[in-house]
């Protein structure tokens, strides 16, 4: 009877250890998947920001006068369509991201300061990626 009791205790301890290991593996796998998804979203946000800067540069190159007049907050959707915003931009890329570009004329340095922000919701938190730059009228003849 003593041998049977000892074997039963060993089985209970072994099951407890296996349960702890399985729980740890599931928790680690869940964390890895969540981190991978967050990295993918951040990478997409950076790409959308870079695209916004390139489209802004294209605006500058096509018509400086119109570009110079684009002050304030502008929404930029996935198709490259610019829409002036009053307060905020809606989710405008893949039902996930909001891309907003702020144009601010810097009279002191004679340049347009640009701030591009791509934001998204994930796990109840708001995340964002921001790129800033400036553009000048580089085609001025001196």
C-alpha atoms as a PDB file:
ATOM      1  CA  UNK A   1       0.000   0.000   0.000  1.00  0.00           C
ATOM      2  CA  UNK A   2       2.885   2.346   0.772  1.00  0.00           C
ATOM      3  CA  UNK A   3       4.356   1.741  -2.705  1.00  0.00           C
ATOM      4  CA  UNK A   4       0.980   2.557  -4.347  1.00  0.00           C
ATOM      5  CA  UNK A   5       0.672   5.791  -2.376  1.00  0.00           C
ATOM      6  CA  UNK A   6       4.190   6.824  -3.349  1.00  0.00           C
ATOM      7  CA  UNK A   7       3.474   6.097  -7.044  1.00  0.00           C
ATOM      8  CA  UNK A   8       0.253   8.147  -6.872  1.00  0.00           C
ATOM      9  CA  UNK A   9       2.148  11.094  -5.345  1.00  0.00           C
ATOM     10  CA  UNK A  10       4.769  10.860  -8.106  1.00  0.00           C
ATOM     11  CA  UNK A  11       2.043  10.916 -10.751  1.00  0.00           C
ATOM     12  CA  UNK A  12       0.401  13.986  -9.170  1.00  0.00           C
ATOM     13  CA  UNK A  13       3.753  15.813  -8.998  1.00  0.00           C
ATOM     14  CA  UNK A  14       4.577  14.847 -12.609  1.00  0.00           C
ATOM     15  CA  UNK A  15       1.155  16.083 -13.806  1.00  0.00           C
ATOM     16  CA  UNK A  16       1.680  19.357 -11.937  1.00  0.00           C
ATOM     17  CA  UNK A  17       5.056  19.871 -13.607  1.00  0.00           C
ATOM     18  CA  UNK A  18       3.608  19.064 -17.053  1.00  0.00           C
ATOM     19  CA  UNK A  19       0.715  21.476 -16.414  1.00  0.00           C
ATOM     20  CA  UNK A  20       3.145  24.263 -15.484  1.00  0.00           C
ATOM     21  CA  UNK A  21       5.239  23.618 -18.596  1.00  0.00           C
ATOM     22  CA  UNK A  22       2.207  23.616 -20.913  1.00  0.00           C
ATOM     23  CA  UNK A  23       0.881  26.822 -19.327  1.00  0.00           C
ATOM     24  CA  UNK A  24       4.271  28.495 -19.814  1.00  0.00           C
ATOM     25  CA  UNK A  25       4.477  27.406 -23.438  1.00  0.00           C
ATOM     26  CA  UNK A  26       0.977  28.695 -24.192  1.00  0.00           C
ATOM     27  CA  UNK A  27       1.724  32.018 -22.469  1.00  0.00           C
ATOM     28  CA  UNK A  28       5.013  32.380 -24.348  1.00  0.00           C
ATOM     29  CA  UNK A  29       3.367  31.556 -27.665  1.00  0.00           C
ATOM     30  CA  UNK A  30       0.594  34.083 -27.066  1.00  0.00           C
ATOM     31  CA  UNK A  31       3.125  36.792 -26.215  1.00  0.00           C
ATOM     32  CA  UNK A  32       5.171  35.987 -29.325  1.00  0.00           C
ATOM     33  CA  UNK A  33       2.095  36.233 -31.562  1.00  0.00           C
ATOM     34  CA  UNK A  34       1.026  39.542 -29.983  1.00  0.00           C
ATOM     35  CA  UNK A  35       4.519  41.008 -30.355  1.00  0.00           C
ATOM     36  CA  UNK A  36       4.716  39.870 -33.981  1.00  0.00           C
ATOM     37  CA  UNK A  37       1.366  41.507 -34.768  1.00  0.00           C
ATOM     38  CA  UNK A  38       2.405  44.766 -33.067  1.00  0.00           C
ATOM     39  CA  UNK A  39       5.651  44.793 -35.056  1.00  0.00           C
ATOM     40  CA  UNK A  40       3.772  44.215 -38.301  1.00  0.00           C
ATOM     41  CA  UNK A  41       1.404  47.123 -37.580  1.00  0.00           C
ATOM     42  CA  UNK A  42       4.283  49.426 -36.619  1.00  0.00           C
ATOM     43  CA  UNK A  43       6.141  48.515 -39.815  1.00  0.00           C
ATOM     44  CA  UNK A  44       3.052  49.280 -41.912  1.00  0.00           C
ATOM     45  CA  UNK A  45       2.603  52.608 -40.090  1.00  0.00           C
ATOM     46  CA  UNK A  46       6.184  53.628 -40.855  1.00  0.00           C
ATOM     47  CA  UNK A  47       5.649  52.716 -44.525  1.00  0.00           C
ATOM     48  CA  UNK A  48       2.475  54.805 -44.668  1.00  0.00           C
ATOM     49  CA  UNK A  49       4.353  57.721 -43.086  1.00  0.00           C
ATOM     50  CA  UNK A  50       7.161  57.458 -45.637  1.00  0.00           C
ATOM     51  CA  UNK A  51       4.587  57.376 -48.413  1.00  0.00           C
ATOM     52  CA  UNK A  52       2.954  60.523 -46.985  1.00  0.00           C
ATOM     53  CA  UNK A  53       6.289  62.367 -47.058  1.00  0.00           C
ATOM     54  CA  UNK A  54       6.876  61.293 -50.666  1.00  0.00           C
ATOM     55  CA  UNK A  55       3.375  62.421 -51.696  1.00  0.00           C
ATOM     56  CA  UNK A  56       3.989  65.725 -49.913  1.00  0.00           C
ATOM     57  CA  UNK A  57       7.235  66.153 -51.843  1.00  0.00           C
ATOM     58  CA  UNK A  58       5.316  65.457 -55.064  1.00  0.00           C
ATOM     59  CA  UNK A  59       2.825  68.221 -54.180  1.00  0.00           C
ATOM     60  CA  UNK A  60       5.687  70.638 -53.615  1.00  0.00           C
ATOM     61  CA  UNK A  61       7.350  69.731 -56.904  1.00  0.00           C
ATOM     62  CA  UNK A  62       4.150  69.999 -58.959  1.00  0.00           C
ATOM     63  CA  UNK A  63       3.000  73.436 -57.806  1.00  0.00           C
ATOM     64  CA  UNK A  64       4.770  75.449 -55.120  1.00  0.00           C
ATOM     65  CA  UNK A  65       2.022  78.089 -54.904  1.00  0.00           C
ATOM     66  CA  UNK A  66      -0.705  75.532 -54.147  1.00  0.00           C
ATOM     67  CA  UNK A  67       1.638  73.680 -51.793  1.00  0.00           C
ATOM     68  CA  UNK A  68       2.460  76.908 -49.947  1.00  0.00           C
ATOM     69  CA  UNK A  69      -1.274  77.493 -49.391  1.00  0.00           C
ATOM     70  CA  UNK A  70      -1.833  74.015 -47.853  1.00  0.00           C
ATOM     71  CA  UNK A  71      -1.613  74.922 -44.198  1.00  0.00           C
ATOM     72  CA  UNK A  72      -3.304  73.084 -41.373  1.00  0.00           C
ATOM     73  CA  UNK A  73      -4.343  69.468 -40.930  1.00  0.00           C
ATOM     74  CA  UNK A  74      -4.879  67.245 -43.966  1.00  0.00           C
ATOM     75  CA  UNK A  75      -6.059  63.632 -44.139  1.00  0.00           C
ATOM     76  CA  UNK A  76      -4.362  61.352 -46.646  1.00  0.00           C
ATOM     77  CA  UNK A  77      -6.112  58.110 -47.564  1.00  0.00           C
ATOM     78  CA  UNK A  78      -4.591  54.959 -49.046  1.00  0.00           C
ATOM     79  CA  UNK A  79      -5.325  56.135 -52.609  1.00  0.00           C
ATOM     80  CA  UNK A  80      -3.334  59.344 -52.080  1.00  0.00           C
ATOM     81  CA  UNK A  81      -6.391  61.613 -51.879  1.00  0.00           C
ATOM     82  CA  UNK A  82      -5.875  64.717 -49.711  1.00  0.00           C
ATOM     83  CA  UNK A  83      -8.818  66.050 -47.670  1.00  0.00           C
ATOM     84  CA  UNK A  84      -8.574  69.075 -45.408  1.00  0.00           C
ATOM     85  CA  UNK A  85      -9.635  68.319 -41.831  1.00  0.00           C
ATOM     86  CA  UNK A  86     -11.024  70.650 -39.207  1.00  0.00           C
ATOM     87  CA  UNK A  87     -10.135  68.734 -36.043  1.00  0.00           C
ATOM     88  CA  UNK A  88      -9.106  65.133 -36.759  1.00  0.00           C
ATOM     89  CA  UNK A  89      -8.905  62.544 -39.507  1.00  0.00           C
ATOM     90  CA  UNK A  90     -11.035  59.394 -39.545  1.00  0.00           C
ATOM     91  CA  UNK A  91      -9.627  55.895 -39.978  1.00  0.00           C
ATOM     92  CA  UNK A  92      -8.688  56.082 -43.648  1.00  0.00           C
ATOM     93  CA  UNK A  93      -6.382  53.148 -44.446  1.00  0.00           C
ATOM     94  CA  UNK A  94      -7.473  49.484 -44.391  1.00  0.00           C
ATOM     95  CA  UNK A  95     -10.037  50.135 -41.633  1.00  0.00           C
ATOM     96  CA  UNK A  96      -7.070  50.205 -39.242  1.00  0.00           C
ATOM     97  CA  UNK A  97      -4.909  53.292 -39.663  1.00  0.00           C
ATOM     98  CA  UNK A  98      -5.478  57.028 -39.530  1.00  0.00           C
ATOM     99  CA  UNK A  99      -2.995  59.097 -41.543  1.00  0.00           C
ATOM    100  CA  UNK A 100      -2.866  62.837 -40.894  1.00  0.00           C
ATOM    101  CA  UNK A 101      -0.373  65.368 -42.227  1.00  0.00           C
ATOM    102  CA  UNK A 102       0.055  68.824 -40.718  1.00  0.00           C
ATOM    103  CA  UNK A 103       1.437  71.636 -42.888  1.00  0.00           C
ATOM    104  CA  UNK A 104       2.866  74.673 -41.052  1.00  0.00           C
ATOM    105  CA  UNK A 105       4.451  77.588 -42.928  1.00  0.00           C
ATOM    106  CA  UNK A 106       7.613  78.723 -41.148  1.00  0.00           C
ATOM    107  CA  UNK A 107       8.016  82.368 -42.147  1.00  0.00           C
ATOM    108  CA  UNK A 108      11.337  82.754 -40.336  1.00  0.00           C
ATOM    109  CA  UNK A 109      13.043  79.986 -42.309  1.00  0.00           C
ATOM    110  CA  UNK A 110      10.880  80.270 -45.458  1.00  0.00           C
ATOM    111  CA  UNK A 111       9.958  76.618 -45.390  1.00  0.00           C
ATOM    112  CA  UNK A 112       6.960  74.333 -44.931  1.00  0.00           C
ATOM    113  CA  UNK A 113       7.237  72.200 -41.793  1.00  0.00           C
ATOM    114  CA  UNK A 114       5.550  68.814 -42.211  1.00  0.00           C
ATOM    115  CA  UNK A 115       4.427  66.389 -39.508  1.00  0.00           C
ATOM    116  CA  UNK A 116       2.968  63.081 -40.655  1.00  0.00           C
ATOM    117  CA  UNK A 117       1.243  60.914 -38.046  1.00  0.00           C
ATOM    118  CA  UNK A 118      -0.115  57.426 -38.615  1.00  0.00           C
ATOM    119  CA  UNK A 119      -2.089  56.066 -35.666  1.00  0.00           C
ATOM    120  CA  UNK A 120      -3.972  52.859 -34.910  1.00  0.00           C
ATOM    121  CA  UNK A 121      -5.771  51.081 -32.080  1.00  0.00           C
ATOM    122  CA  UNK A 122      -4.454  47.779 -30.764  1.00  0.00           C
ATOM    123  CA  UNK A 123      -5.411  46.017 -27.576  1.00  0.00           C
ATOM    124  CA  UNK A 124      -7.364  49.019 -26.304  1.00  0.00           C
ATOM    125  CA  UNK A 125      -4.366  51.354 -26.647  1.00  0.00           C
ATOM    126  CA  UNK A 126      -3.634  53.984 -29.279  1.00  0.00           C
ATOM    127  CA  UNK A 127      -0.263  53.708 -31.000  1.00  0.00           C
ATOM    128  CA  UNK A 128       1.322  56.106 -33.465  1.00  0.00           C
ATOM    129  CA  UNK A 129       4.269  56.611 -35.739  1.00  0.00           C
ATOM    130  CA  UNK A 130       5.420  60.165 -36.500  1.00  0.00           C
ATOM    131  CA  UNK A 131       7.745  61.552 -39.165  1.00  0.00           C
ATOM    132  CA  UNK A 132       8.728  65.213 -39.412  1.00  0.00           C
ATOM    133  CA  UNK A 133      10.519  67.078 -42.151  1.00  0.00           C
ATOM    134  CA  UNK A 134      10.438  70.384 -43.986  1.00  0.00           C
ATOM    135  CA  UNK A 135      10.344  71.500 -47.602  1.00  0.00           C
ATOM    136  CA  UNK A 136      11.598  74.655 -49.253  1.00  0.00           C
ATOM    137  CA  UNK A 137      11.028  76.171 -52.657  1.00  0.00           C
ATOM    138  CA  UNK A 138      14.164  74.671 -54.103  1.00  0.00           C
ATOM    139  CA  UNK A 139      13.460  75.889 -57.649  1.00  0.00           C
ATOM    140  CA  UNK A 140      13.946  79.595 -56.808  1.00  0.00           C
ATOM    141  CA  UNK A 141      16.132  81.313 -59.379  1.00  0.00           C
ATOM    142  CA  UNK A 142      18.747  83.546 -57.792  1.00  0.00           C
END
